[in-house]
Amino acid sequence: DLASVSQVMFLRVLLLCVVVLTKPLLGEGAGDDEEITPEMMFNMASLLASEDGQYNKNLTEAAKWLRKGAEAGHLDAQVMLAEWLREGTGVRRDPIEAARWYSIAGKRGDRKSTRLN
């Protein structure tokens, strides 16, 4: 059900926050992005971009996590990053870079991206 999905997403994002925030305390190499899955990166971006009253909306930080997820191969992150680049949401508007990400997502099977590219 939806509540369970929300709880799982919250726990994944919480784990991501712990890894990111404790990295300086644990030393070099601890909490590297390799330990953070593309799904976690996308979830972090989604959480930071949400209008949920529990969190402060931060589109610039969300865009950083979205790009990490896209670069790590997360299809939804690739599509969303393309949309944000096209619209200038959280990033400088860049239609050329947006087209590149739409192309990548389209080659991976996203139908919307193949129509837009």
C-alpha atoms as a PDB file:
ATOM      1  CA  ASP A   1       0.000   0.000   0.000  1.00  0.00           C
ATOM      2  CA  LEU A   2       0.989   3.660  -0.351  1.00  0.00           C
ATOM      3  CA  ALA A   3       1.868   4.102   3.327  1.00  0.00           C
ATOM      4  CA  SER A   4       4.347   1.221   3.167  1.00  0.00           C
ATOM      5  CA  VAL A   5       5.967   2.624   0.019  1.00  0.00           C
ATOM      6  CA  SER A   6       6.282   6.034   1.692  1.00  0.00           C
ATOM      7  CA  GLN A   7       7.846   4.466   4.775  1.00  0.00           C
ATOM      8  CA  VAL A   8      10.379   2.527   2.706  1.00  0.00           C
ATOM      9  CA  MET A   9      11.270   5.661   0.722  1.00  0.00           C
ATOM     10  CA  PHE A  10      11.637   7.630   3.959  1.00  0.00           C
ATOM     11  CA  LEU A  11      13.925   4.979   5.461  1.00  0.00           C
ATOM     12  CA  ARG A  12      16.098   4.876   2.333  1.00  0.00           C
ATOM     13  CA  VAL A  13      16.450   8.639   2.307  1.00  0.00           C
ATOM     14  CA  LEU A  14      17.173   8.628   6.034  1.00  0.00           C
ATOM     15  CA  LEU A  15      19.951   6.086   5.451  1.00  0.00           C
ATOM     16  CA  LEU A  16      21.325   8.262   2.666  1.00  0.00           C
ATOM     17  CA  CYS A  17      21.336  11.274   4.998  1.00  0.00           C
ATOM     18  CA  VAL A  18      23.194   9.294   7.660  1.00  0.00           C
ATOM     19  CA  VAL A  19      25.824   8.182   5.136  1.00  0.00           C
ATOM     20  CA  VAL A  20      26.278  11.695   3.742  1.00  0.00           C
ATOM     21  CA  LEU A  21      26.328  13.444   7.121  1.00  0.00           C
ATOM     22  CA  THR A  22      28.687  11.002   8.817  1.00  0.00           C
ATOM     23  CA  LYS A  23      31.227  10.928   5.995  1.00  0.00           C
ATOM     24  CA  PRO A  24      33.345  13.748   7.497  1.00  0.00           C
ATOM     25  CA  LEU A  25      33.391  11.945  10.843  1.00  0.00           C
ATOM     26  CA  LEU A  26      34.372   8.579   9.403  1.00  0.00           C
ATOM     27  CA  GLY A  27      37.271   9.765   7.289  1.00  0.00           C
ATOM     28  CA  GLU A  28      38.370   9.497   3.689  1.00  0.00           C
ATOM     29  CA  GLY A  29      36.582   6.894   1.613  1.00  0.00           C
ATOM     30  CA  ALA A  30      33.697   6.413   4.034  1.00  0.00           C
ATOM     31  CA  GLY A  31      30.265   7.093   2.600  1.00  0.00           C
ATOM     32  CA  ASP A  32      31.478   7.401  -0.988  1.00  0.00           C
ATOM     33  CA  ASP A  33      28.758   7.646  -3.620  1.00  0.00           C
ATOM     34  CA  GLU A  34      29.418   4.011  -4.589  1.00  0.00           C
ATOM     35  CA  GLU A  35      27.635   3.014  -1.386  1.00  0.00           C
ATOM     36  CA  ILE A  36      24.629   5.114  -2.334  1.00  0.00           C
ATOM     37  CA  THR A  37      22.404   3.491  -4.939  1.00  0.00           C
ATOM     38  CA  PRO A  38      20.976   5.418  -7.907  1.00  0.00           C
ATOM     39  CA  GLU A  39      17.520   4.805  -6.435  1.00  0.00           C
ATOM     40  CA  MET A  40      18.599   6.476  -3.181  1.00  0.00           C
ATOM     41  CA  MET A  41      19.967   9.439  -5.152  1.00  0.00           C
ATOM     42  CA  PHE A  42      16.669   9.805  -7.005  1.00  0.00           C
ATOM     43  CA  ASN A  43      14.690   9.492  -3.755  1.00  0.00           C
ATOM     44  CA  MET A  44      16.843  12.176  -2.126  1.00  0.00           C
ATOM     45  CA  ALA A  45      16.245  14.492  -5.084  1.00  0.00           C
ATOM     46  CA  SER A  46      12.514  13.813  -4.947  1.00  0.00           C
ATOM     47  CA  LEU A  47      12.395  14.479  -1.233  1.00  0.00           C
ATOM     48  CA  LEU A  48      14.340  17.747  -1.537  1.00  0.00           C
ATOM     49  CA  ALA A  49      12.091  18.873  -4.402  1.00  0.00           C
ATOM     50  CA  SER A  50       8.847  18.021  -2.610  1.00  0.00           C
ATOM     51  CA  GLU A  51       6.481  20.507  -1.073  1.00  0.00           C
ATOM     52  CA  ASP A  52       6.063  18.231   1.958  1.00  0.00           C
ATOM     53  CA  GLY A  53       5.774  20.320   5.102  1.00  0.00           C
ATOM     54  CA  GLN A  54       8.315  18.146   6.945  1.00  0.00           C
ATOM     55  CA  TYR A  55      11.228  19.218   4.757  1.00  0.00           C
ATOM     56  CA  ASN A  56      12.529  22.473   3.322  1.00  0.00           C
ATOM     57  CA  LYS A  57      12.192  22.547  -0.446  1.00  0.00           C
ATOM     58  CA  ASN A  58      15.666  22.949  -1.978  1.00  0.00           C
ATOM     59  CA  LEU A  59      15.627  22.640  -5.759  1.00  0.00           C
ATOM     60  CA  THR A  60      19.330  23.419  -6.182  1.00  0.00           C
ATOM     61  CA  GLU A  61      20.365  20.589  -3.865  1.00  0.00           C
ATOM     62  CA  ALA A  62      17.693  18.343  -5.371  1.00  0.00           C
ATOM     63  CA  ALA A  63      19.168  18.980  -8.828  1.00  0.00           C
ATOM     64  CA  LYS A  64      22.610  17.878  -7.607  1.00  0.00           C
ATOM     65  CA  TRP A  65      21.203  14.551  -6.389  1.00  0.00           C
ATOM     66  CA  LEU A  66      19.115  14.213  -9.529  1.00  0.00           C
ATOM     67  CA  ARG A  67      22.224  14.616 -11.685  1.00  0.00           C
ATOM     68  CA  LYS A  68      24.077  12.022  -9.582  1.00  0.00           C
ATOM     69  CA  GLY A  69      21.206   9.577 -10.024  1.00  0.00           C
ATOM     70  CA  ALA A  70      21.021  10.280 -13.758  1.00  0.00           C
ATOM     71  CA  GLU A  71      24.768   9.817 -14.195  1.00  0.00           C
ATOM     72  CA  ALA A  72      24.532   6.553 -12.232  1.00  0.00           C
ATOM     73  CA  GLY A  73      21.956   5.289 -14.736  1.00  0.00           C
ATOM     74  CA  HIS A  74      18.608   5.816 -12.974  1.00  0.00           C
ATOM     75  CA  LEU A  75      16.074   6.172 -15.814  1.00  0.00           C
ATOM     76  CA  ASP A  76      13.542   8.306 -13.909  1.00  0.00           C
ATOM     77  CA  ALA A  77      16.352  10.609 -12.769  1.00  0.00           C
ATOM     78  CA  GLN A  78      17.524  10.957 -16.375  1.00  0.00           C
ATOM     79  CA  VAL A  79      14.046  11.940 -17.554  1.00  0.00           C
ATOM     80  CA  MET A  80      13.465  14.324 -14.648  1.00  0.00           C
ATOM     81  CA  LEU A  81      16.882  15.940 -15.099  1.00  0.00           C
ATOM     82  CA  ALA A  82      16.090  16.473 -18.784  1.00  0.00           C
ATOM     83  CA  GLU A  83      12.801  18.135 -17.814  1.00  0.00           C
ATOM     84  CA  TRP A  84      14.492  20.340 -15.212  1.00  0.00           C
ATOM     85  CA  LEU A  85      17.189  21.385 -17.688  1.00  0.00           C
ATOM     86  CA  ARG A  86      14.546  22.165 -20.310  1.00  0.00           C
ATOM     87  CA  GLU A  87      12.498  24.234 -17.832  1.00  0.00           C
ATOM     88  CA  GLY A  88      15.321  25.681 -15.716  1.00  0.00           C
ATOM     89  CA  THR A  89      14.078  24.062 -12.503  1.00  0.00           C
ATOM     90  CA  GLY A  90      16.835  24.028  -9.877  1.00  0.00           C
ATOM     91  CA  VAL A  91      19.456  24.454 -12.612  1.00  0.00           C
ATOM     92  CA  ARG A  92      20.368  26.918 -15.323  1.00  0.00           C
ATOM     93  CA  ARG A  93      18.090  26.338 -18.324  1.00  0.00           C
ATOM     94  CA  ASP A  94      20.024  24.343 -20.939  1.00  0.00           C
ATOM     95  CA  PRO A  95      17.969  22.925 -23.831  1.00  0.00           C
ATOM     96  CA  ILE A  96      21.028  21.281 -25.419  1.00  0.00           C
ATOM     97  CA  GLU A  97      21.905  19.376 -22.239  1.00  0.00           C
ATOM     98  CA  ALA A  98      18.204  18.556 -21.809  1.00  0.00           C
ATOM     99  CA  ALA A  99      18.126  17.039 -25.304  1.00  0.00           C
ATOM    100  CA  ARG A 100      21.198  14.948 -24.441  1.00  0.00           C
ATOM    101  CA  TRP A 101      19.494  13.508 -21.352  1.00  0.00           C
ATOM    102  CA  TYR A 102      16.233  12.926 -23.247  1.00  0.00           C
ATOM    103  CA  SER A 103      18.284  11.040 -25.843  1.00  0.00           C
ATOM    104  CA  ILE A 104      19.947   8.887 -23.182  1.00  0.00           C
ATOM    105  CA  ALA A 105      16.603   8.107 -21.542  1.00  0.00           C
ATOM    106  CA  GLY A 106      14.977   7.435 -24.920  1.00  0.00           C
ATOM    107  CA  LYS A 107      17.682   4.939 -25.843  1.00  0.00           C
ATOM    108  CA  ARG A 108      16.986   3.192 -22.557  1.00  0.00           C
ATOM    109  CA  GLY A 109      13.289   2.826 -23.422  1.00  0.00           C
ATOM    110  CA  ASP A 110      11.529   5.913 -22.067  1.00  0.00           C
ATOM    111  CA  ARG A 111       8.777   6.581 -24.646  1.00  0.00           C
ATOM    112  CA  LYS A 112       8.147  10.188 -23.613  1.00  0.00           C
ATOM    113  CA  SER A 113      11.811  11.006 -24.137  1.00  0.00           C
ATOM    114  CA  THR A 114      11.837   9.577 -27.648  1.00  0.00           C
ATOM    115  CA  ARG A 115       8.931  11.865 -28.603  1.00  0.00           C
ATOM    116  CA  LEU A 116      10.552  14.953 -27.066  1.00  0.00           C
ATOM    117  CA  ASN A 117      14.052  14.421 -28.413  1.00  0.00           C
END
